[in-house]
Amino acid sequence: MNDGERLQAFIAQLQGQTGLNAARYERMLAELNATQPRDGHDAEGRRQIAFFDAKQYDLHSFSATNDDSFQLIAIESPLNEQTVSAAAGCKVVCIFVNDEAHERVIARLAELGVELIALRCAGFNHVDLEACQKYGISVVRVPAYSPHAVAEHTVALMLMLNRHLHQAYLRNRAGAFILDGLTGFDMFGKTVGVIGTGKIGQCVVQILNGFGCRVLAYDVQENPEVASLPQTEYVGLDALFAQSDIVTLHLPLFEETHHLINSQTIARMKRGVMLINTSRGGLVETVSLIEGLKSGQIGYAGLDVYEEEAGIFFHDISNQVLDDDVLARLMTFNNVVITSHQAFLTCEALDNIAETTFANIAEYFAGKRGTELTHHVG
């Protein structure tokens, strides 16, 4: 079935539908995509990759990096139970942070002949690794792409909140060129708590050093390069919360880090603290954050991630009612800035993601398995 025939089939199905909803639409797309005959290769012999949640910026960087060894089957929808059939005939699926890879999806991928899940991100908490092992599917990821991208976005959020740049921009656009309520503070001399000092956290500390900040660092495993930086010391979480004017999170999401920021930890922070999260939404208990903002215990919040962001971030819902009451409440605060998981979004990071993802896939097809894979997860 060529593209024209597929379009006509799709139109015919649409004409026969009443009460078409998002789930049915996604399922129809997946079913139509699955009608393409595939055996893991295209007509030129290139390996086919089911590329879920495909965005133009992704396709641009992956297409530019592709040495013509692979064919990307671009699927605009995220991977989930309704769309998984679109992977039929592909040995590899490539997914991002908000795709669903729980056991039922993994089982269906295995039925379709998928052998490898290639994550184009560092986090893997959305993938059921036990199910992957059970069904014989390998998982690889991109452990680091551009730590500078996320670190710079982190500090940009600090500066935007501190100097009220979001409010000033909107005022000026409306012709209100006034300064009342826009007073900020010098970053120089302030104490910043950096929780998580891997590659991104280290970059954040280095940038903050340039501002003349005092840095309190915390990690279960200390980074000697961070420890050697000026005006930086490792402390326990209690000391970090009690002394920091700004707290920024750079941790993976595991069971032990889930809701690290909650009503109890917020109560231990300095009143009026600024909280920044460019890591994983689940690190912050959002309802507790809202209570902290309402009471003034939290003075500012800069979020690039949100624990219920799937289905919202990376989507245009401007013509819909936002039915997430918690997010809607969060967005009413003028001392909160939310960006939609864009901290990674630089040309350099996108190129690095594409290069590492293709290298991961090439390793698999070269015969490496399990721990032999450079960036294996599991």
Protein backbone atom coordinates (compact mmCIF):
# COMPACT_ATOMS: atom_id res chain seq x y z
CA MET A 1 0.00 0.00 0.00
CA ASN A 2 1.55 3.31 -1.07
CA ASP A 3 1.06 6.63 0.69
CA GLY A 4 -1.83 7.66 -1.55
CA GLU A 5 -3.66 4.41 -0.94
CA ARG A 6 -3.02 4.64 2.79
CA LEU A 7 -4.43 8.19 2.81
CA GLN A 8 -7.57 7.10 0.97
CA ALA A 9 -8.01 4.19 3.38
CA PHE A 10 -7.59 6.53 6.32
CA ILE A 11 -10.14 8.99 4.90
CA ALA A 12 -12.59 6.14 4.33
CA GLN A 13 -12.21 5.02 7.94
CA LEU A 14 -12.68 8.58 9.20
CA GLN A 15 -15.87 8.98 7.17
CA GLY A 16 -17.29 5.89 8.83
CA GLN A 17 -16.46 7.04 12.34
CA THR A 18 -18.69 8.81 14.83
CA GLY A 19 -17.46 10.09 18.14
CA LEU A 20 -13.82 9.89 17.07
CA ASN A 21 -11.61 10.38 20.12
CA ALA A 22 -7.87 10.66 20.58
CA ALA A 23 -7.37 7.00 21.51
CA ARG A 24 -9.29 5.75 18.47
CA TYR A 25 -7.41 8.19 16.22
CA GLU A 26 -4.06 6.95 17.52
CA ARG A 27 -5.15 3.32 17.08
CA MET A 28 -6.26 3.94 13.50
CA LEU A 29 -2.97 5.60 12.66
CA ALA A 30 -1.06 2.68 14.14
CA GLU A 31 -3.15 0.13 12.26
CA LEU A 32 -2.62 1.94 8.97
CA ASN A 33 1.11 2.21 9.59
CA ALA A 34 1.24 -1.50 10.38
CA THR A 35 -0.17 -2.36 6.93
CA GLN A 36 3.19 -1.49 5.37
CA PRO A 37 5.03 -4.75 4.61
CA ARG A 38 8.37 -4.79 6.46
CA ASP A 39 10.93 -7.43 7.28
CA GLY A 40 13.25 -5.12 9.19
CA HIS A 41 14.78 -3.70 5.98
CA ASP A 42 13.61 -1.32 3.29
CA ALA A 43 14.01 -1.88 -0.47
CA GLU A 44 17.61 -0.60 -0.32
CA GLY A 45 18.51 -2.98 2.50
CA ARG A 46 18.61 -0.34 5.24
CA ARG A 47 17.64 -1.30 8.78
CA GLN A 48 14.21 0.09 9.64
CA ILE A 49 13.63 1.89 12.92
CA ALA A 50 10.14 2.62 14.28
CA PHE A 51 10.72 6.19 15.48
CA PHE A 52 7.93 7.04 17.93
CA ASP A 53 6.91 10.52 19.10
CA ALA A 54 8.76 11.93 16.10
CA LYS A 55 9.20 15.70 16.10
CA GLN A 56 10.67 17.80 13.30
CA TYR A 57 13.74 18.75 15.34
CA ASP A 58 14.37 15.04 16.03
CA LEU A 59 13.98 14.04 12.41
CA HIS A 60 16.23 16.87 11.25
CA SER A 61 19.14 15.87 13.51
CA PHE A 62 18.70 12.12 12.93
CA SER A 63 18.43 12.55 9.16
CA ALA A 64 21.55 14.72 9.08
CA THR A 65 23.48 12.15 11.14
CA ASN A 66 22.22 9.05 9.32
CA ASP A 67 24.90 7.56 7.04
CA ASP A 68 22.12 5.88 5.04
CA SER A 69 22.45 2.65 7.04
CA PHE A 70 18.99 3.14 8.54
CA GLN A 71 15.50 4.12 7.49
CA LEU A 72 13.47 6.00 10.06
CA ILE A 73 9.77 5.13 10.12
CA ALA A 74 8.52 8.41 11.59
CA ILE A 75 5.49 7.89 13.87
CA GLU A 76 4.16 11.15 15.28
CA SER A 77 2.30 9.45 18.12
CA PRO A 78 4.03 8.36 21.33
CA LEU A 79 4.47 4.65 21.95
CA ASN A 80 1.57 3.21 23.95
CA GLU A 81 -0.89 0.33 23.82
CA GLN A 82 -2.90 2.02 21.08
CA THR A 83 0.07 2.78 18.79
CA VAL A 84 2.44 -0.14 19.41
CA SER A 85 1.27 -1.96 16.27
CA ALA A 86 3.03 0.69 14.19
CA ALA A 87 6.31 -1.07 15.06
CA ALA A 88 5.31 -4.17 13.08
CA GLY A 89 8.17 -5.45 10.96
CA CYS A 90 10.86 -3.35 12.68
CA LYS A 91 13.56 -4.91 14.82
CA VAL A 92 14.21 -1.58 16.58
CA VAL A 93 12.00 1.04 18.17
CA CYS A 94 13.38 4.43 19.15
CA ILE A 95 11.52 6.22 21.94
CA PHE A 96 11.72 9.33 24.13
CA VAL A 97 10.90 10.29 27.72
CA ASN A 98 7.09 10.20 27.62
CA ASP A 99 6.59 7.05 25.57
CA GLU A 100 5.00 4.17 27.49
CA ALA A 101 7.00 0.97 27.70
CA HIS A 102 5.25 -0.97 30.46
CA GLU A 103 4.85 -4.75 30.40
CA ARG A 104 1.82 -4.93 28.11
CA VAL A 105 3.55 -2.75 25.53
CA ILE A 106 6.78 -4.74 25.86
CA ALA A 107 4.90 -8.01 25.36
CA ARG A 108 3.28 -6.66 22.21
CA LEU A 109 6.62 -5.37 20.89
CA ALA A 110 8.06 -8.86 21.35
CA GLU A 111 5.12 -10.35 19.44
CA LEU A 112 5.86 -7.94 16.59
CA GLY A 113 9.50 -9.06 16.44
CA VAL A 114 11.13 -6.05 18.09
CA GLU A 115 14.52 -6.92 19.55
CA LEU A 116 15.90 -3.54 20.67
CA ILE A 117 14.52 -0.44 22.37
CA ALA A 118 16.82 2.51 21.66
CA LEU A 119 16.13 5.36 24.05
CA ARG A 120 17.09 8.77 22.71
CA CYS A 121 17.34 10.10 26.25
CA ALA A 122 19.24 9.40 29.46
CA GLY A 123 16.32 8.46 31.72
CA PHE A 124 14.81 4.99 31.59
CA ASN A 125 12.30 5.00 34.46
CA HIS A 126 9.45 4.74 31.92
CA VAL A 127 10.71 1.37 30.64
CA ASP A 128 9.87 -1.90 32.41
CA LEU A 129 13.33 -3.43 32.36
CA GLU A 130 12.18 -6.69 33.97
CA ALA A 131 9.63 -7.14 31.20
CA CYS A 132 12.31 -6.42 28.60
CA GLN A 133 14.49 -9.12 30.09
CA LYS A 134 11.52 -11.51 30.24
CA TYR A 135 10.72 -11.01 26.56
CA GLY A 136 14.31 -10.85 25.34
CA ILE A 137 14.37 -7.19 24.30
CA SER A 138 17.60 -5.26 24.82
CA VAL A 139 17.54 -1.62 25.93
CA VAL A 140 20.13 1.06 25.22
CA ARG A 141 20.14 4.75 26.06
CA VAL A 142 22.01 8.02 25.60
CA PRO A 143 23.61 8.55 29.02
CA ALA A 144 24.98 12.01 28.20
CA TYR A 145 24.45 14.30 25.26
CA SER A 146 25.18 17.90 26.22
CA PRO A 147 25.26 18.49 29.95
CA HIS A 148 25.93 22.14 29.11
CA ALA A 149 22.51 22.42 27.45
CA VAL A 150 20.59 21.38 30.59
CA ALA A 151 22.93 23.25 32.95
CA GLU A 152 22.59 26.50 31.02
CA HIS A 153 18.80 26.17 30.91
CA THR A 154 18.85 25.58 34.67
CA VAL A 155 20.67 28.84 35.32
CA ALA A 156 18.47 30.64 32.76
CA LEU A 157 15.44 29.69 34.87
CA MET A 158 17.18 31.04 37.97
CA LEU A 159 17.87 34.36 36.27
CA MET A 160 14.40 34.64 34.75
CA LEU A 161 12.73 34.11 38.13
CA ASN A 162 15.17 36.27 40.04
CA ARG A 163 14.91 39.27 37.70
CA HIS A 164 11.22 38.66 36.83
CA LEU A 165 12.04 38.62 33.14
CA HIS A 166 8.86 36.74 32.20
CA GLN A 167 6.73 39.40 33.87
CA ALA A 168 8.76 42.29 32.44
CA TYR A 169 8.44 40.87 28.93
CA LEU A 170 4.67 40.56 29.15
CA ARG A 171 4.29 44.02 30.69
CA ASN A 172 6.41 45.68 28.04
CA ARG A 173 4.54 43.91 25.26
CA ALA A 174 1.36 45.42 26.70
CA GLY A 175 2.97 48.87 26.90
CA ALA A 176 3.37 48.91 30.70
CA PHE A 177 7.00 49.99 31.01
CA ILE A 178 7.07 50.06 34.81
CA LEU A 179 9.46 48.47 37.28
CA ASP A 180 7.24 48.00 40.32
CA GLY A 181 7.42 44.42 41.57
CA LEU A 182 10.44 43.50 39.43
CA THR A 183 13.17 43.85 42.06
CA GLY A 184 15.57 40.93 42.06
CA PHE A 185 18.75 40.03 43.93
CA ASP A 186 22.45 39.65 43.16
CA MET A 187 23.45 36.08 42.43
CA PHE A 188 26.91 36.97 43.79
CA GLY A 189 27.31 35.67 47.30
CA LYS A 190 24.12 33.62 47.36
CA THR A 191 24.14 30.00 48.52
CA VAL A 192 22.93 27.46 45.98
CA GLY A 193 22.23 23.82 46.86
CA VAL A 194 22.97 21.46 43.98
CA ILE A 195 21.43 18.02 44.54
CA GLY A 196 23.05 15.55 42.16
CA THR A 197 26.56 16.23 40.90
CA GLY A 198 26.95 14.10 37.80
CA LYS A 199 27.84 15.66 34.47
CA ILE A 200 24.94 18.14 34.47
CA GLY A 201 25.25 19.02 38.15
CA GLN A 202 28.97 19.60 37.70
CA CYS A 203 28.31 22.02 34.82
CA VAL A 204 25.76 23.87 36.98
CA VAL A 205 28.31 24.26 39.78
CA GLN A 206 30.91 25.57 37.34
CA ILE A 207 28.51 28.20 36.00
CA LEU A 208 27.50 29.23 39.52
CA ASN A 209 31.17 29.60 40.43
CA GLY A 210 31.35 32.22 37.69
CA PHE A 211 28.58 34.19 39.41
CA GLY A 212 30.46 34.09 42.69
CA CYS A 213 27.92 31.84 44.42
CA ARG A 214 28.65 29.61 47.36
CA VAL A 215 27.67 26.06 46.40
CA LEU A 216 26.51 23.31 48.74
CA ALA A 217 26.55 19.97 46.92
CA TYR A 218 24.88 16.68 47.75
CA ASP A 219 25.18 13.27 46.11
CA VAL A 220 25.31 9.69 47.33
CA GLN A 221 28.63 9.48 45.53
CA GLU A 222 30.80 12.59 45.66
CA ASN A 223 32.36 13.87 42.45
CA PRO A 224 36.00 14.78 43.17
CA GLU A 225 36.00 17.33 40.34
CA VAL A 226 33.09 19.13 41.98
CA ALA A 227 34.67 18.89 45.43
CA SER A 228 37.79 20.64 44.10
CA LEU A 229 35.89 23.66 42.73
CA PRO A 230 36.15 26.95 44.64
CA GLN A 231 33.47 27.94 47.16
CA THR A 232 31.99 24.44 46.91
CA GLU A 233 31.54 21.83 49.62
CA TYR A 234 29.61 18.59 50.02
CA VAL A 235 27.09 18.59 52.86
CA GLY A 236 24.14 16.50 54.02
CA LEU A 237 20.63 17.23 52.76
CA ASP A 238 19.52 18.81 56.03
CA ALA A 239 22.34 21.37 55.91
CA LEU A 240 21.74 22.00 52.21
CA PHE A 241 18.02 22.64 52.70
CA ALA A 242 18.57 24.86 55.74
CA GLN A 243 21.21 27.12 54.17
CA SER A 244 20.40 27.36 50.46
CA ASP A 245 18.79 30.40 48.85
CA ILE A 246 18.30 28.31 45.70
CA VAL A 247 17.89 24.52 45.43
CA THR A 248 18.35 22.83 42.06
CA LEU A 249 17.76 19.15 41.26
CA HIS A 250 19.92 17.00 38.98
CA LEU A 251 19.04 13.43 39.96
CA PRO A 252 17.70 10.38 38.14
CA LEU A 253 14.23 9.20 39.13
CA PHE A 254 14.36 6.03 41.20
CA GLU A 255 12.13 4.72 43.96
CA GLU A 256 14.38 6.29 46.57
CA THR A 257 14.38 9.72 44.86
CA HIS A 258 10.65 9.79 44.01
CA HIS A 259 9.08 12.85 45.68
CA LEU A 260 12.37 13.83 47.28
CA ILE A 261 10.84 17.29 47.45
CA ASN A 262 7.72 16.95 49.59
CA SER A 263 5.96 18.76 52.41
CA GLN A 264 8.54 17.59 54.97
CA THR A 265 11.62 18.58 52.97
CA ILE A 266 10.05 21.87 51.89
CA ALA A 267 9.46 22.72 55.56
CA ARG A 268 13.20 22.28 56.20
CA MET A 269 14.16 24.82 53.52
CA LYS A 270 14.79 28.54 54.01
CA ARG A 271 11.63 30.58 53.73
CA GLY A 272 11.34 32.09 50.26
CA VAL A 273 13.71 29.57 48.68
CA MET A 274 13.90 29.21 44.89
CA LEU A 275 13.38 25.64 43.64
CA ILE A 276 14.58 24.55 40.19
CA ASN A 277 13.88 21.17 38.57
CA THR A 278 15.26 20.37 35.12
CA SER A 279 15.71 16.68 35.85
CA ARG A 280 12.65 14.47 36.37
CA GLY A 281 9.14 15.57 37.27
CA GLY A 282 8.63 12.79 39.80
CA LEU A 283 11.33 14.22 42.06
CA VAL A 284 8.84 16.86 43.19
CA GLU A 285 5.49 16.20 44.84
CA THR A 286 3.59 18.89 42.97
CA VAL A 287 0.71 19.27 45.44
CA SER A 288 3.24 19.96 48.22
CA LEU A 289 5.02 22.45 45.97
CA ILE A 290 1.75 24.32 45.44
CA GLU A 291 1.14 24.45 49.19
CA GLY A 292 4.68 25.77 49.64
CA LEU A 293 4.05 28.49 47.06
CA LYS A 294 0.74 29.46 48.66
CA SER A 295 2.33 29.81 52.10
CA GLY A 296 5.39 31.66 50.84
CA GLN A 297 7.77 28.95 52.01
CA ILE A 298 8.68 28.51 48.34
CA GLY A 299 9.42 31.94 46.88
CA TYR A 300 9.99 30.88 43.28
CA ALA A 301 9.79 27.69 41.21
CA GLY A 302 11.38 27.00 37.83
CA LEU A 303 10.28 23.71 36.28
CA ASP A 304 11.26 22.13 33.00
CA VAL A 305 9.59 18.86 33.99
CA TYR A 306 6.32 17.86 35.63
CA GLU A 307 5.38 14.50 37.11
CA GLU A 308 2.22 14.18 34.97
CA GLU A 309 3.64 15.79 31.83
CA ALA A 310 2.93 12.84 29.48
CA GLY A 311 0.23 13.79 27.01
CA ILE A 312 0.77 17.51 27.70
CA PHE A 313 4.41 18.39 27.12
CA PHE A 314 5.52 18.01 23.47
CA HIS A 315 1.89 18.45 22.34
CA ASP A 316 -0.13 21.41 21.08
CA ILE A 317 -3.22 21.49 23.28
CA SER A 318 -3.89 25.21 22.78
CA ASN A 319 -7.37 24.48 21.43
CA GLN A 320 -8.28 22.19 24.32
CA VAL A 321 -9.26 22.65 27.94
CA LEU A 322 -6.35 21.81 30.25
CA ASP A 323 -7.91 19.06 32.36
CA ASP A 324 -4.94 18.65 34.70
CA ASP A 325 -6.14 20.66 37.71
CA VAL A 326 -2.77 20.49 39.48
CA LEU A 327 -0.82 21.87 36.53
CA ALA A 328 -3.51 24.48 35.89
CA ARG A 329 -3.19 25.69 39.51
CA LEU A 330 0.58 25.73 39.28
CA MET A 331 0.43 27.95 36.20
CA THR A 332 -1.57 30.62 38.06
CA PHE A 333 1.44 31.68 40.14
CA ASN A 334 3.41 34.63 38.76
CA ASN A 335 6.51 33.41 40.60
CA VAL A 336 6.53 30.12 38.68
CA VAL A 337 8.10 29.56 35.27
CA ILE A 338 7.34 26.30 33.44
CA THR A 339 9.09 25.21 30.27
CA SER A 340 7.94 22.05 28.52
CA HIS A 341 10.93 19.72 28.91
CA GLN A 342 13.10 21.82 26.60
CA ALA A 343 16.31 22.03 28.62
CA PHE A 344 17.99 19.49 26.32
CA LEU A 345 16.96 21.32 23.16
CA THR A 346 20.15 22.65 21.58
CA CYS A 347 21.68 21.84 18.21
CA GLU A 348 24.69 20.26 19.90
CA ALA A 349 22.58 18.06 22.17
CA LEU A 350 20.33 16.89 19.34
CA ASP A 351 23.36 15.96 17.23
CA ASN A 352 24.92 14.07 20.13
CA ILE A 353 21.68 12.20 20.79
CA ALA A 354 21.40 11.13 17.15
CA GLU A 355 25.05 10.05 16.93
CA THR A 356 24.92 7.99 20.13
CA THR A 357 21.57 6.40 19.26
CA PHE A 358 22.78 5.27 15.83
CA ALA A 359 26.02 3.97 17.38
CA ASN A 360 23.99 2.01 19.96
CA ILE A 361 21.87 0.43 17.23
CA ALA A 362 24.89 -0.34 15.04
CA GLU A 363 26.53 -2.12 17.99
CA TYR A 364 23.49 -4.32 18.43
CA PHE A 365 23.40 -5.32 14.78
CA ALA A 366 27.16 -5.96 14.92
CA GLY A 367 26.34 -8.78 17.35
CA LYS A 368 26.84 -7.22 20.78
CA ARG A 369 24.31 -8.14 23.44
CA GLY A 370 23.61 -7.30 27.08
CA THR A 371 26.54 -5.80 28.96
CA GLU A 372 28.61 -5.92 25.76
CA LEU A 373 26.57 -2.94 24.56
CA THR A 374 28.30 0.28 25.56
CA HIS A 375 25.12 1.97 26.81
CA HIS A 376 23.07 -1.05 27.82
CA VAL A 377 20.37 -0.59 30.45
CA GLY A 378 19.18 -3.47 32.57
